[in-house]
Amino acid sequence: SKNYDGLFLMRNFDPLFKESIFKVDLQPYFLLQRSLIGNT
């Protein structure tokens, strides 16, 4: 609740640029409870 106002959904994806010197991981969230209460 402190950072995301409660319940959220999270998804992992395969890293980007795996063959390069840098590997980038993106982890998006959908903030379910924030969307239901309509404020933060």
Full PDB file with SEQRES, HELIX, SHEET, SSBOND, CRYST1, ORIGX, SCALE, CONECT and MASTER records, all heavy atoms in Angstrom:
SEQRES   1 A   40  SER LYS ASN TYR ASP GLY LEU PHE LEU MET ARG ASN PHE          
SEQRES   2 A   40  ASP PRO LEU PHE LYS GLU SER ILE PHE LYS VAL ASP LEU          
SEQRES   3 A   40  GLN PRO TYR PHE LEU LEU GLN ARG SER LEU ILE GLY ASN          
SEQRES   4 A   40  THR                                                          
HELIX    1 AA1 LEU A   32  ILE A   37  1                                   6    
SHEET    1 AA1 2 LEU A   9  MET A  10  0                                        
SHEET    2 AA1 2 TYR A  29  PHE A  30 -1                                        
CRYST1    1.000    1.000    1.000  90.00  90.00  90.00 P 1           1          
ORIGX1      1.000000  0.000000  0.000000        0.00000                         
ORIGX2      0.000000  1.000000  0.000000        0.00000                         
ORIGX3      0.000000  0.000000  1.000000        0.00000                         
SCALE1      1.000000  0.000000  0.000000        0.00000                         
SCALE2      0.000000  1.000000  0.000000        0.00000                         
SCALE3      0.000000  0.000000  1.000000        0.00000                         
ATOM      1  N   SER A   1       0.816  -1.216   0.000  1.00  0.00           N  
ATOM      2  CA  SER A   1       0.000   0.000   0.000  1.00  0.00           C  
ATOM      3  C   SER A   1       0.848   1.263   0.000  1.00  0.00           C  
ATOM      4  O   SER A   1       0.414   2.302  -0.492  1.00  0.00           O  
ATOM      5  CB  SER A   1      -0.930  -0.009   1.220  1.00  0.00           C  
ATOM      6  OG  SER A   1      -0.170  -0.069   2.416  1.00  0.00           O  
ATOM      7  N   LYS A   2       2.064   1.199   0.538  1.00  0.00           N  
ATOM      8  CA  LYS A   2       2.900   2.390   0.613  1.00  0.00           C  
ATOM      9  C   LYS A   2       3.328   2.875  -0.763  1.00  0.00           C  
ATOM     10  O   LYS A   2       3.308   4.070  -1.057  1.00  0.00           O  
ATOM     11  CB  LYS A   2       4.132   2.098   1.472  1.00  0.00           C  
ATOM     12  CG  LYS A   2       5.086   3.279   1.573  1.00  0.00           C  
ATOM     13  CD  LYS A   2       6.299   2.922   2.417  1.00  0.00           C  
ATOM     14  CE  LYS A   2       7.278   4.084   2.483  1.00  0.00           C  
ATOM     15  NZ  LYS A   2       8.481   3.741   3.274  1.00  0.00           N  
ATOM     16  N   ASN A   3       3.711   1.937  -1.628  1.00  0.00           N  
ATOM     17  CA  ASN A   3       4.249   2.323  -2.933  1.00  0.00           C  
ATOM     18  C   ASN A   3       3.243   2.225  -4.071  1.00  0.00           C  
ATOM     19  O   ASN A   3       3.335   2.968  -5.048  1.00  0.00           O  
ATOM     20  CB  ASN A   3       5.463   1.450  -3.269  1.00  0.00           C  
ATOM     21  CG  ASN A   3       6.630   1.718  -2.355  1.00  0.00           C  
ATOM     22  OD1 ASN A   3       6.873   2.849  -1.970  1.00  0.00           O  
ATOM     23  ND2 ASN A   3       7.352   0.671  -2.004  1.00  0.00           N  
ATOM     24  N   TYR A   4       2.283   1.276  -3.960  1.00  0.00           N  
ATOM     25  CA  TYR A   4       1.396   1.004  -5.084  1.00  0.00           C  
ATOM     26  C   TYR A   4      -0.084   1.051  -4.718  1.00  0.00           C  
ATOM     27  O   TYR A   4      -0.918   0.590  -5.481  1.00  0.00           O  
ATOM     28  CB  TYR A   4       1.729  -0.361  -5.691  1.00  0.00           C  
ATOM     29  CG  TYR A   4       3.158  -0.481  -6.172  1.00  0.00           C  
ATOM     30  CD1 TYR A   4       4.039  -1.386  -5.594  1.00  0.00           C  
ATOM     31  CD2 TYR A   4       3.622   0.323  -7.207  1.00  0.00           C  
ATOM     32  CE1 TYR A   4       5.344  -1.491  -6.034  1.00  0.00           C  
ATOM     33  CE2 TYR A   4       4.924   0.226  -7.657  1.00  0.00           C  
ATOM     34  CZ  TYR A   4       5.783  -0.685  -7.065  1.00  0.00           C  
ATOM     35  OH  TYR A   4       7.073  -0.781  -7.500  1.00  0.00           O  
ATOM     36  N   ASP A   5      -0.402   1.554  -3.525  1.00  0.00           N  
ATOM     37  CA  ASP A   5      -1.796   1.696  -3.084  1.00  0.00           C  
ATOM     38  C   ASP A   5      -2.512   0.353  -2.940  1.00  0.00           C  
ATOM     39  O   ASP A   5      -3.738   0.300  -2.953  1.00  0.00           O  
ATOM     40  CB  ASP A   5      -2.591   2.601  -4.032  1.00  0.00           C  
ATOM     41  CG  ASP A   5      -2.081   4.032  -4.026  1.00  0.00           C  
ATOM     42  OD1 ASP A   5      -2.177   4.674  -2.970  1.00  0.00           O  
ATOM     43  OD2 ASP A   5      -1.568   4.480  -5.058  1.00  0.00           O  
ATOM     44  N   GLY A   6      -1.776  -0.734  -2.823  1.00  0.00           N  
ATOM     45  CA  GLY A   6      -2.421  -2.028  -2.589  1.00  0.00           C  
ATOM     46  C   GLY A   6      -2.105  -3.056  -3.652  1.00  0.00           C  
ATOM     47  O   GLY A   6      -0.978  -3.148  -4.155  1.00  0.00           O  
ATOM     48  N   LEU A   7      -3.110  -3.822  -4.038  1.00  0.00           N  
ATOM     49  CA  LEU A   7      -2.946  -4.975  -4.923  1.00  0.00           C  
ATOM     50  C   LEU A   7      -2.500  -4.553  -6.317  1.00  0.00           C  
ATOM     51  O   LEU A   7      -2.994  -3.581  -6.876  1.00  0.00           O  
ATOM     52  CB  LEU A   7      -4.272  -5.736  -5.010  1.00  0.00           C  
ATOM     53  CG  LEU A   7      -4.261  -7.080  -5.731  1.00  0.00           C  
ATOM     54  CD1 LEU A   7      -3.428  -8.092  -4.972  1.00  0.00           C  
ATOM     55  CD2 LEU A   7      -5.691  -7.591  -5.894  1.00  0.00           C  
ATOM     56  N   PHE A   8      -1.543  -5.306  -6.882  1.00  0.00           N  
ATOM     57  CA  PHE A   8      -1.081  -5.031  -8.234  1.00  0.00           C  
ATOM     58  C   PHE A   8      -0.765  -6.346  -8.947  1.00  0.00           C  
ATOM     59  O   PHE A   8      -0.593  -7.396  -8.322  1.00  0.00           O  
ATOM     60  CB  PHE A   8       0.161  -4.131  -8.233  1.00  0.00           C  
ATOM     61  CG  PHE A   8       1.338  -4.693  -7.482  1.00  0.00           C  
ATOM     62  CD1 PHE A   8       2.210  -5.590  -8.081  1.00  0.00           C  
ATOM     63  CD2 PHE A   8       1.573  -4.324  -6.160  1.00  0.00           C  
ATOM     64  CE1 PHE A   8       3.284  -6.110  -7.390  1.00  0.00           C  
ATOM     65  CE2 PHE A   8       2.642  -4.837  -5.459  1.00  0.00           C  
ATOM     66  CZ  PHE A   8       3.504  -5.736  -6.075  1.00  0.00           C  
ATOM     67  N   LEU A   9      -0.691  -6.273 -10.268  1.00  0.00           N  
ATOM     68  CA  LEU A   9      -0.280  -7.403 -11.104  1.00  0.00           C  
ATOM     69  C   LEU A   9       1.059  -7.065 -11.734  1.00  0.00           C  
ATOM     70  O   LEU A   9       1.293  -5.925 -12.142  1.00  0.00           O  
ATOM     71  CB  LEU A   9      -1.313  -7.666 -12.208  1.00  0.00           C  
ATOM     72  CG  LEU A   9      -2.744  -7.975 -11.738  1.00  0.00           C  
ATOM     73  CD1 LEU A   9      -3.666  -8.121 -12.948  1.00  0.00           C  
ATOM     74  CD2 LEU A   9      -2.774  -9.249 -10.901  1.00  0.00           C  
ATOM     75  N   MET A  10       1.940  -8.075 -11.819  1.00  0.00           N  
ATOM     76  CA  MET A  10       3.300  -7.845 -12.281  1.00  0.00           C  
ATOM     77  C   MET A  10       3.639  -8.901 -13.325  1.00  0.00           C  
ATOM     78  O   MET A  10       3.193 -10.034 -13.238  1.00  0.00           O  
ATOM     79  CB  MET A  10       4.241  -7.943 -11.085  1.00  0.00           C  
ATOM     80  CG  MET A  10       5.694  -7.710 -11.354  1.00  0.00           C  
ATOM     81  SD  MET A  10       6.630  -7.795  -9.799  1.00  0.00           S  
ATOM     82  CE  MET A  10       6.395  -9.518  -9.353  1.00  0.00           C  
ATOM     83  N   ARG A  11       4.449  -8.526 -14.327  1.00  0.00           N  
ATOM     84  CA  ARG A  11       4.788  -9.452 -15.408  1.00  0.00           C  
ATOM     85  C   ARG A  11       6.280  -9.343 -15.728  1.00  0.00           C  
ATOM     86  O   ARG A  11       6.814  -8.249 -15.850  1.00  0.00           O  
ATOM     87  CB  ARG A  11       3.959  -9.122 -16.658  1.00  0.00           C  
ATOM     88  CG  ARG A  11       4.396  -9.814 -17.937  1.00  0.00           C  
ATOM     89  CD  ARG A  11       4.138 -11.320 -17.892  1.00  0.00           C  
ATOM     90  NE  ARG A  11       4.811 -12.028 -18.991  1.00  0.00           N  
ATOM     91  CZ  ARG A  11       4.281 -12.241 -20.189  1.00  0.00           C  
ATOM     92  NH1 ARG A  11       3.068 -11.783 -20.455  1.00  0.00           N  
ATOM     93  NH2 ARG A  11       4.953 -12.898 -21.109  1.00  0.00           N  
ATOM     94  N   ASN A  12       6.942 -10.510 -15.857  1.00  0.00           N  
ATOM     95  CA  ASN A  12       8.331 -10.554 -16.307  1.00  0.00           C  
ATOM     96  C   ASN A  12       8.398 -10.856 -17.804  1.00  0.00           C  
ATOM     97  O   ASN A  12       7.597 -11.638 -18.317  1.00  0.00           O  
ATOM     98  CB  ASN A  12       9.108 -11.635 -15.555  1.00  0.00           C  
ATOM     99  CG  ASN A  12       9.408 -11.232 -14.135  1.00  0.00           C  
ATOM    100  OD1 ASN A  12       9.710 -10.090 -13.872  1.00  0.00           O  
ATOM    101  ND2 ASN A  12       9.315 -12.179 -13.214  1.00  0.00           N  
ATOM    102  N   PHE A  13       9.368 -10.247 -18.482  1.00  0.00           N  
ATOM    103  CA  PHE A  13       9.618 -10.525 -19.885  1.00  0.00           C  
ATOM    104  C   PHE A  13      11.053 -11.006 -20.060  1.00  0.00           C  
ATOM    105  O   PHE A  13      11.891 -10.844 -19.174  1.00  0.00           O  
ATOM    106  CB  PHE A  13       9.395  -9.265 -20.737  1.00  0.00           C  
ATOM    107  CG  PHE A  13       7.961  -8.821 -20.811  1.00  0.00           C  
ATOM    108  CD1 PHE A  13       7.469  -7.842 -19.944  1.00  0.00           C  
ATOM    109  CD2 PHE A  13       7.101  -9.380 -21.736  1.00  0.00           C  
ATOM    110  CE1 PHE A  13       6.152  -7.430 -20.016  1.00  0.00           C  
ATOM    111  CE2 PHE A  13       5.779  -8.976 -21.815  1.00  0.00           C  
ATOM    112  CZ  PHE A  13       5.303  -8.004 -20.947  1.00  0.00           C  
ATOM    113  N   ASP A  14      11.341 -11.587 -21.202  1.00  0.00           N  
ATOM    114  CA  ASP A  14      12.717 -11.946 -21.517  1.00  0.00           C  
ATOM    115  C   ASP A  14      13.573 -10.692 -21.570  1.00  0.00           C  
ATOM    116  O   ASP A  14      13.122  -9.627 -22.013  1.00  0.00           O  
ATOM    117  CB  ASP A  14      12.794 -12.665 -22.863  1.00  0.00           C  
ATOM    118  CG  ASP A  14      12.223 -14.069 -22.800  1.00  0.00           C  
ATOM    119  OD1 ASP A  14      12.172 -14.621 -21.686  1.00  0.00           O  
ATOM    120  OD2 ASP A  14      11.821 -14.597 -23.847  1.00  0.00           O  
ATOM    121  N   PRO A  15      14.843 -10.776 -21.135  1.00  0.00           N  
ATOM    122  CA  PRO A  15      15.731  -9.603 -21.189  1.00  0.00           C  
ATOM    123  C   PRO A  15      15.924  -9.111 -22.612  1.00  0.00           C  
ATOM    124  O   PRO A  15      15.922  -9.890 -23.572  1.00  0.00           O  
ATOM    125  CB  PRO A  15      17.048 -10.133 -20.601  1.00  0.00           C  
ATOM    126  CG  PRO A  15      16.669 -11.334 -19.817  1.00  0.00           C  
ATOM    127  CD  PRO A  15      15.494 -11.941 -20.518  1.00  0.00           C  
ATOM    128  N   LEU A  16      16.095  -7.807 -22.733  1.00  0.00           N  
ATOM    129  CA  LEU A  16      16.400  -7.187 -24.021  1.00  0.00           C  
ATOM    130  C   LEU A  16      17.915  -7.153 -24.230  1.00  0.00           C  
ATOM    131  O   LEU A  16      18.689  -7.091 -23.269  1.00  0.00           O  
ATOM    132  CB  LEU A  16      15.849  -5.769 -24.070  1.00  0.00           C  
ATOM    133  CG  LEU A  16      14.338  -5.595 -23.817  1.00  0.00           C  
ATOM    134  CD1 LEU A  16      13.986  -4.112 -23.788  1.00  0.00           C  
ATOM    135  CD2 LEU A  16      13.524  -6.320 -24.880  1.00  0.00           C  
ATOM    136  N   PHE A  17      18.330  -7.189 -25.482  1.00  0.00           N  
ATOM    137  CA  PHE A  17      19.747  -7.071 -25.864  1.00  0.00           C  
ATOM    138  C   PHE A  17      20.613  -8.130 -25.183  1.00  0.00           C  
ATOM    139  O   PHE A  17      21.717  -7.844 -24.706  1.00  0.00           O  
ATOM    140  CB  PHE A  17      20.284  -5.668 -25.532  1.00  0.00           C  
ATOM    141  CG  PHE A  17      19.360  -4.551 -25.884  1.00  0.00           C  
ATOM    142  CD1 PHE A  17      18.828  -3.729 -24.904  1.00  0.00           C  
ATOM    143  CD2 PHE A  17      18.993  -4.325 -27.197  1.00  0.00           C  
ATOM    144  CE1 PHE A  17      17.967  -2.700 -25.220  1.00  0.00           C  
ATOM    145  CE2 PHE A  17      18.132  -3.302 -27.529  1.00  0.00           C  
ATOM    146  CZ  PHE A  17      17.608  -2.488 -26.529  1.00  0.00           C  
ATOM    147  N   LYS A  18      20.120  -9.368 -25.104  1.00  0.00           N  
ATOM    148  CA  LYS A  18      20.843 -10.424 -24.397  1.00  0.00           C  
ATOM    149  C   LYS A  18      22.203 -10.720 -25.023  1.00  0.00           C  
ATOM    150  O   LYS A  18      23.116 -11.188 -24.340  1.00  0.00           O  
ATOM    151  CB  LYS A  18      20.005 -11.702 -24.378  1.00  0.00           C  
ATOM    152  CG  LYS A  18      18.788 -11.625 -23.471  1.00  0.00           C  
ATOM    153  CD  LYS A  18      18.106 -12.967 -23.343  1.00  0.00           C  
ATOM    154  CE  LYS A  18      17.481 -13.410 -24.649  1.00  0.00           C  
ATOM    155  NZ  LYS A  18      16.718 -14.667 -24.493  1.00  0.00           N  
ATOM    156  N   GLU A  19      22.348 -10.475 -26.304  1.00  0.00           N  
ATOM    157  CA  GLU A  19      23.597 -10.784 -26.977  1.00  0.00           C  
ATOM    158  C   GLU A  19      24.601  -9.637 -26.905  1.00  0.00           C  
ATOM    159  O   GLU A  19      25.738  -9.788 -27.340  1.00  0.00           O  
ATOM    160  CB  GLU A  19      23.324 -11.128 -28.448  1.00  0.00           C  
ATOM    161  CG  GLU A  19      22.329 -12.260 -28.654  1.00  0.00           C  
ATOM    162  CD  GLU A  19      22.774 -13.540 -27.973  1.00  0.00           C  
ATOM    163  OE1 GLU A  19      23.995 -13.805 -27.961  1.00  0.00           O  
ATOM    164  OE2 GLU A  19      21.907 -14.271 -27.456  1.00  0.00           O  
ATOM    165  N   SER A  20      24.206  -8.491 -26.366  1.00  0.00           N  
ATOM    166  CA  SER A  20      25.105  -7.345 -26.288  1.00  0.00           C  
ATOM    167  C   SER A  20      25.769  -7.302 -24.921  1.00  0.00           C  
ATOM    168  O   SER A  20      25.552  -8.153 -24.070  1.00  0.00           O  
ATOM    169  CB  SER A  20      24.337  -6.050 -26.547  1.00  0.00           C  
ATOM    170  OG  SER A  20      23.469  -5.770 -25.469  1.00  0.00           O  
ATOM    171  N   ILE A  21      26.592  -6.294 -24.702  1.00  0.00           N  
ATOM    172  CA  ILE A  21      27.293  -6.149 -23.433  1.00  0.00           C  
ATOM    173  C   ILE A  21      26.342  -5.790 -22.299  1.00  0.00           C  
ATOM    174  O   ILE A  21      26.602  -6.062 -21.139  1.00  0.00           O  
ATOM    175  CB  ILE A  21      28.423  -5.104 -23.552  1.00  0.00           C  
ATOM    176  CG1 ILE A  21      29.341  -5.151 -22.327  1.00  0.00           C  
ATOM    177  CG2 ILE A  21      27.854  -3.713 -23.756  1.00  0.00           C  
ATOM    178  CD1 ILE A  21      30.553  -4.256 -22.442  1.00  0.00           C  
ATOM    179  N   PHE A  22      25.197  -5.192 -22.642  1.00  0.00           N  
ATOM    180  CA  PHE A  22      24.202  -4.820 -21.641  1.00  0.00           C  
ATOM    181  C   PHE A  22      22.964  -5.711 -21.771  1.00  0.00           C  
ATOM    182  O   PHE A  22      22.496  -5.982 -22.876  1.00  0.00           O  
ATOM    183  CB  PHE A  22      23.781  -3.352 -21.799  1.00  0.00           C  
ATOM    184  CG  PHE A  22      24.839  -2.373 -21.402  1.00  0.00           C  
ATOM    185  CD1 PHE A  22      25.647  -1.776 -22.354  1.00  0.00           C  
ATOM    186  CD2 PHE A  22      25.031  -2.048 -20.070  1.00  0.00           C  
ATOM    187  CE1 PHE A  22      26.625  -0.869 -21.992  1.00  0.00           C  
ATOM    188  CE2 PHE A  22      26.002  -1.145 -19.687  1.00  0.00           C  
ATOM    189  CZ  PHE A  22      26.804  -0.562 -20.662  1.00  0.00           C  
ATOM    190  N   LYS A  23      22.443  -6.142 -20.640  1.00  0.00           N  
ATOM    191  CA  LYS A  23      21.192  -6.885 -20.588  1.00  0.00           C  
ATOM    192  C   LYS A  23      20.179  -6.037 -19.835  1.00  0.00           C  
ATOM    193  O   LYS A  23      20.450  -5.566 -18.726  1.00  0.00           O  
ATOM    194  CB  LYS A  23      21.380  -8.227 -19.889  1.00  0.00           C  
ATOM    195  CG  LYS A  23      20.123  -9.074 -19.853  1.00  0.00           C  
ATOM    196  CD  LYS A  23      20.363 -10.418 -19.172  1.00  0.00           C  
ATOM    197  CE  LYS A  23      20.529 -10.267 -17.675  1.00  0.00           C  
ATOM    198  NZ  LYS A  23      20.613 -11.572 -16.995  1.00  0.00           N  
ATOM    199  N   VAL A  24      19.005  -5.839 -20.424  1.00  0.00           N  
ATOM    200  CA  VAL A  24      17.987  -4.951 -19.857  1.00  0.00           C  
ATOM    201  C   VAL A  24      16.738  -5.766 -19.530  1.00  0.00           C  
ATOM    202  O   VAL A  24      16.176  -6.427 -20.411  1.00  0.00           O  
ATOM    203  CB  VAL A  24      17.634  -3.804 -20.826  1.00  0.00           C  
ATOM    204  CG1 VAL A  24      16.576  -2.896 -20.208  1.00  0.00           C  
ATOM    205  CG2 VAL A  24      18.885  -3.013 -21.190  1.00  0.00           C  
ATOM    206  N   ASP A  25      16.339  -5.728 -18.270  1.00  0.00           N  
ATOM    207  CA  ASP A  25      15.105  -6.385 -17.825  1.00  0.00           C  
ATOM    208  C   ASP A  25      14.048  -5.324 -17.533  1.00  0.00           C  
ATOM    209  O   ASP A  25      14.293  -4.387 -16.759  1.00  0.00           O  
ATOM    210  CB  ASP A  25      15.339  -7.205 -16.555  1.00  0.00           C  
ATOM    211  CG  ASP A  25      15.753  -8.623 -16.862  1.00  0.00           C  
ATOM    212  OD1 ASP A  25      15.266  -9.164 -17.868  1.00  0.00           O  
ATOM    213  OD2 ASP A  25      16.549  -9.189 -16.109  1.00  0.00           O  
ATOM    214  N   LEU A  26      12.877  -5.474 -18.123  1.00  0.00           N  
ATOM    215  CA  LEU A  26      11.747  -4.584 -17.859  1.00  0.00           C  
ATOM    216  C   LEU A  26      10.666  -5.376 -17.132  1.00  0.00           C  
ATOM    217  O   LEU A  26      10.295  -6.466 -17.568  1.00  0.00           O  
ATOM    218  CB  LEU A  26      11.184  -4.009 -19.160  1.00  0.00           C  
ATOM    219  CG  LEU A  26      12.158  -3.211 -20.031  1.00  0.00           C  
ATOM    220  CD1 LEU A  26      11.451  -2.731 -21.292  1.00  0.00           C  
ATOM    221  CD2 LEU A  26      12.744  -2.042 -19.262  1.00  0.00           C  
ATOM    222  N   GLN A  27      10.154  -4.816 -16.042  1.00  0.00           N  
ATOM    223  CA  GLN A  27       9.119  -5.484 -15.267  1.00  0.00           C  
ATOM    224  C   GLN A  27       7.969  -4.500 -15.033  1.00  0.00           C  
ATOM    225  O   GLN A  27       8.019  -3.673 -14.133  1.00  0.00           O  
ATOM    226  CB  GLN A  27       9.690  -5.954 -13.927  1.00  0.00           C  
ATOM    227  CG  GLN A  27       8.770  -6.845 -13.132  1.00  0.00           C  
ATOM    228  CD  GLN A  27       9.447  -7.367 -11.882  1.00  0.00           C  
ATOM    229  OE1 GLN A  27       9.640  -6.629 -10.927  1.00  0.00           O  
ATOM    230  NE2 GLN A  27       9.812  -8.637 -11.890  1.00  0.00           N  
ATOM    231  N   PRO A  28       6.936  -4.577 -15.871  1.00  0.00           N  
ATOM    232  CA  PRO A  28       5.813  -3.648 -15.727  1.00  0.00           C  
ATOM    233  C   PRO A  28       4.809  -4.108 -14.671  1.00  0.00           C  
ATOM    234  O   PRO A  28       4.684  -5.303 -14.386  1.00  0.00           O  
ATOM    235  CB  PRO A  28       5.187  -3.649 -17.120  1.00  0.00           C  
ATOM    236  CG  PRO A  28       5.492  -5.007 -17.659  1.00  0.00           C  
ATOM    237  CD  PRO A  28       6.817  -5.414 -17.078  1.00  0.00           C  
ATOM    238  N   TYR A  29       4.106  -3.145 -14.105  1.00  0.00           N  
ATOM    239  CA  TYR A  29       3.062  -3.391 -13.116  1.00  0.00           C  
ATOM    240  C   TYR A  29       1.749  -2.771 -13.610  1.00  0.00           C  
ATOM    241  O   TYR A  29       1.765  -1.680 -14.188  1.00  0.00           O  
ATOM    242  CB  TYR A  29       3.393  -2.732 -11.767  1.00  0.00           C  
ATOM    243  CG  TYR A  29       4.633  -3.206 -11.069  1.00  0.00           C  
ATOM    244  CD1 TYR A  29       5.904  -2.853 -11.525  1.00  0.00           C  
ATOM    245  CD2 TYR A  29       4.541  -3.984  -9.926  1.00  0.00           C  
ATOM    246  CE1 TYR A  29       7.040  -3.260 -10.864  1.00  0.00           C  
ATOM    247  CE2 TYR A  29       5.678  -4.386  -9.252  1.00  0.00           C  
ATOM    248  CZ  TYR A  29       6.919  -4.028  -9.720  1.00  0.00           C  
ATOM    249  OH  TYR A  29       8.043  -4.428  -9.056  1.00  0.00           O  
ATOM    250  N   PHE A  30       0.662  -3.460 -13.331  1.00  0.00           N  
ATOM    251  CA  PHE A  30      -0.654  -2.828 -13.440  1.00  0.00           C  
ATOM    252  C   PHE A  30      -1.202  -2.699 -12.032  1.00  0.00           C  
ATOM    253  O   PHE A  30      -1.383  -3.694 -11.320  1.00  0.00           O  
ATOM    254  CB  PHE A  30      -1.615  -3.645 -14.304  1.00  0.00           C  
ATOM    255  CG  PHE A  30      -3.002  -3.067 -14.334  1.00  0.00           C  
ATOM    256  CD1 PHE A  30      -3.259  -1.863 -14.968  1.00  0.00           C  
ATOM    257  CD2 PHE A  30      -4.057  -3.715 -13.691  1.00  0.00           C  
ATOM    258  CE1 PHE A  30      -4.525  -1.314 -14.982  1.00  0.00           C  
ATOM    259  CE2 PHE A  30      -5.335  -3.175 -13.700  1.00  0.00           C  
ATOM    260  CZ  PHE A  30      -5.562  -1.974 -14.348  1.00  0.00           C  
ATOM    261  N   LEU A  31      -1.476  -1.467 -11.601  1.00  0.00           N  
ATOM    262  CA  LEU A  31      -1.846  -1.183 -10.213  1.00  0.00           C  
ATOM    263  C   LEU A  31      -3.354  -1.295 -10.068  1.00  0.00           C  
ATOM    264  O   LEU A  31      -4.097  -0.327 -10.208  1.00  0.00           O  
ATOM    265  CB  LEU A  31      -1.337   0.202  -9.819  1.00  0.00           C  
ATOM    266  CG  LEU A  31       0.153   0.432 -10.146  1.00  0.00           C  
ATOM    267  CD1 LEU A  31       0.608   1.784  -9.677  1.00  0.00           C  
ATOM    268  CD2 LEU A  31       1.013  -0.677  -9.548  1.00  0.00           C  
ATOM    269  N   LEU A  32      -3.776  -2.508  -9.765  1.00  0.00           N  
ATOM    270  CA  LEU A  32      -5.196  -2.847  -9.778  1.00  0.00           C  
ATOM    271  C   LEU A  32      -5.977  -2.056  -8.733  1.00  0.00           C  
ATOM    272  O   LEU A  32      -7.022  -1.466  -9.036  1.00  0.00           O  
ATOM    273  CB  LEU A  32      -5.357  -4.349  -9.553  1.00  0.00           C  
ATOM    274  CG  LEU A  32      -6.776  -4.893  -9.557  1.00  0.00           C  
ATOM    275  CD1 LEU A  32      -7.451  -4.637 -10.893  1.00  0.00           C  
ATOM    276  CD2 LEU A  32      -6.774  -6.393  -9.238  1.00  0.00           C  
ATOM    277  N   GLN A  33      -5.467  -2.034  -7.510  1.00  0.00           N  
ATOM    278  CA  GLN A  33      -6.225  -1.361  -6.457  1.00  0.00           C  
ATOM    279  C   GLN A  33      -6.249   0.153  -6.654  1.00  0.00           C  
ATOM    280  O   GLN A  33      -7.245   0.809  -6.347  1.00  0.00           O  
ATOM    281  CB  GLN A  33      -5.636  -1.718  -5.082  1.00  0.00           C  
ATOM    282  CG  GLN A  33      -6.537  -1.324  -3.919  1.00  0.00           C  
ATOM    283  CD  GLN A  33      -6.184  -2.075  -2.653  1.00  0.00           C  
ATOM    284  OE1 GLN A  33      -5.571  -3.129  -2.689  1.00  0.00           O  
ATOM    285  NE2 GLN A  33      -6.581  -1.524  -1.518  1.00  0.00           N  
ATOM    286  N   ARG A  34      -5.170   0.718  -7.175  1.00  0.00           N  
ATOM    287  CA  ARG A  34      -5.154   2.158  -7.463  1.00  0.00           C  
ATOM    288  C   ARG A  34      -6.210   2.494  -8.508  1.00  0.00           C  
ATOM    289  O   ARG A  34      -6.870   3.540  -8.435  1.00  0.00           O  
ATOM    290  CB  ARG A  34      -3.767   2.592  -7.934  1.00  0.00           C  
ATOM    291  CG  ARG A  34      -3.632   4.084  -8.175  1.00  0.00           C  
ATOM    292  CD  ARG A  34      -2.239   4.461  -8.652  1.00  0.00           C  
ATOM    293  NE  ARG A  34      -1.231   4.262  -7.621  1.00  0.00           N  
ATOM    294  CZ  ARG A  34       0.078   4.473  -7.820  1.00  0.00           C  
ATOM    295  NH1 ARG A  34       0.517   4.866  -9.007  1.00  0.00           N  
ATOM    296  NH2 ARG A  34       0.940   4.275  -6.842  1.00  0.00           N  
ATOM    297  N   SER A  35      -6.383   1.597  -9.494  1.00  0.00           N  
ATOM    298  CA  SER A  35      -7.389   1.851 -10.527  1.00  0.00           C  
ATOM    299  C   SER A  35      -8.802   1.761  -9.960  1.00  0.00           C  
ATOM    300  O   SER A  35      -9.708   2.467 -10.414  1.00  0.00           O  
ATOM    301  CB  SER A  35      -7.218   0.846 -11.661  1.00  0.00           C  
ATOM    302  OG  SER A  35      -7.583  -0.464 -11.262  1.00  0.00           O  
ATOM    303  N   LEU A  36      -9.002   0.904  -8.942  1.00  0.00           N  
ATOM    304  CA  LEU A  36     -10.343   0.739  -8.378  1.00  0.00           C  
ATOM    305  C   LEU A  36     -10.735   1.893  -7.461  1.00  0.00           C  
ATOM    306  O   LEU A  36     -11.877   2.339  -7.466  1.00  0.00           O  
ATOM    307  CB  LEU A  36     -10.419  -0.588  -7.619  1.00  0.00           C  
ATOM    308  CG  LEU A  36     -10.288  -1.860  -8.476  1.00  0.00           C  
ATOM    309  CD1 LEU A  36     -10.277  -3.097  -7.584  1.00  0.00           C  
ATOM    310  CD2 LEU A  36     -11.416  -1.951  -9.489  1.00  0.00           C  
ATOM    311  N   ILE A  37      -9.772   2.396  -6.665  1.00  0.00           N  
ATOM    312  CA  ILE A  37     -10.111   3.472  -5.735  1.00  0.00           C  
ATOM    313  C   ILE A  37     -10.132   4.838  -6.430  1.00  0.00           C  
ATOM    314  O   ILE A  37     -10.707   5.792  -5.908  1.00  0.00           O  
ATOM    315  CB  ILE A  37      -9.157   3.500  -4.528  1.00  0.00           C  
ATOM    316  CG1 ILE A  37      -7.717   3.743  -4.970  1.00  0.00           C  
ATOM    317  CG2 ILE A  37      -9.253   2.192  -3.753  1.00  0.00           C  
ATOM    318  CD1 ILE A  37      -6.718   3.803  -3.797  1.00  0.00           C  
ATOM    319  N   GLY A  38      -9.467   4.967  -7.585  1.00  0.00           N  
ATOM    320  CA  GLY A  38      -9.556   6.187  -8.366  1.00  0.00           C  
ATOM    321  C   GLY A  38      -8.681   7.322  -7.895  1.00  0.00           C  
ATOM    322  O   GLY A  38      -8.798   8.445  -8.404  1.00  0.00           O  
ATOM    323  N   ASN A  39      -7.787   7.065  -6.927  1.00  0.00           N  
ATOM    324  CA  ASN A  39      -6.830   8.081  -6.496  1.00  0.00           C  
ATOM    325  C   ASN A  39      -5.622   7.350  -5.908  1.00  0.00           C  
ATOM    326  O   ASN A  39      -5.568   6.124  -5.881  1.00  0.00           O  
ATOM    327  CB  ASN A  39      -7.443   9.056  -5.485  1.00  0.00           C  
ATOM    328  CG  ASN A  39      -8.072   8.336  -4.298  1.00  0.00           C  
ATOM    329  OD1 ASN A  39      -7.400   7.620  -3.569  1.00  0.00           O  
ATOM    330  ND2 ASN A  39      -9.383   8.509  -4.118  1.00  0.00           N  
ATOM    331  N   THR A  40      -4.659   8.122  -5.419  1.00  0.00           N  
ATOM    332  CA  THR A  40      -3.450   7.527  -4.865  1.00  0.00           C  
ATOM    333  C   THR A  40      -3.018   8.242  -3.592  1.00  0.00           C  
ATOM    334  O   THR A  40      -3.192   9.456  -3.458  1.00  0.00           O  
ATOM    335  CB  THR A  40      -2.300   7.565  -5.894  1.00  0.00           C  
ATOM    336  OG1 THR A  40      -1.113   7.031  -5.292  1.00  0.00           O  
ATOM    337  CG2 THR A  40      -2.022   8.974  -6.381  1.00  0.00           C  
TER     338      THR A  40                                                      
MASTER        0    0    0    1    2    0    0    6  337    1    0    4          
END                                                                             
